[in-house]
């Protein structure tokens, strides 16, 4: 009983640090594609991958700003796909059409709320995490 209690306490104490380490690792990967002329929007777009599930994030892009979206994962096998849709699910961009580029630079003429869908194409599910960095140009 004491051994089980110690395992449970260890899990509760260590779980947040494991998650923080994953976030830090992904931030380091994503930041390679996030040049200093872009300012982050301050939001955290981080999620665990689950079998047969695409991750969706919602955000609003304001008109006349130049944005960069960077997508990254800690999964080494497979292709990271991110797609941007409007709220009616009309496809605005997918990196599948651009050799799975990890980022996209764009500008809207008016304010638009979008859904960013992220998935890893792999024949076999591998657990991992995905992260987006979104920023606007100074």
Foldseek 3Di string as FASTA:
>chain_A
DVVVVVVVVCCVVCVVVVVVVQQVVQCVVQVVVVDPQWDWPPDWFKDKDDPPDKDKDKDKDAAPWKKKKFKDKPDPDFAKKKWKAFPVRDTDDICVVVVRDRMDIDGHRGMTMIMIIIDGDDPDDDIIMMTMTMTTGD
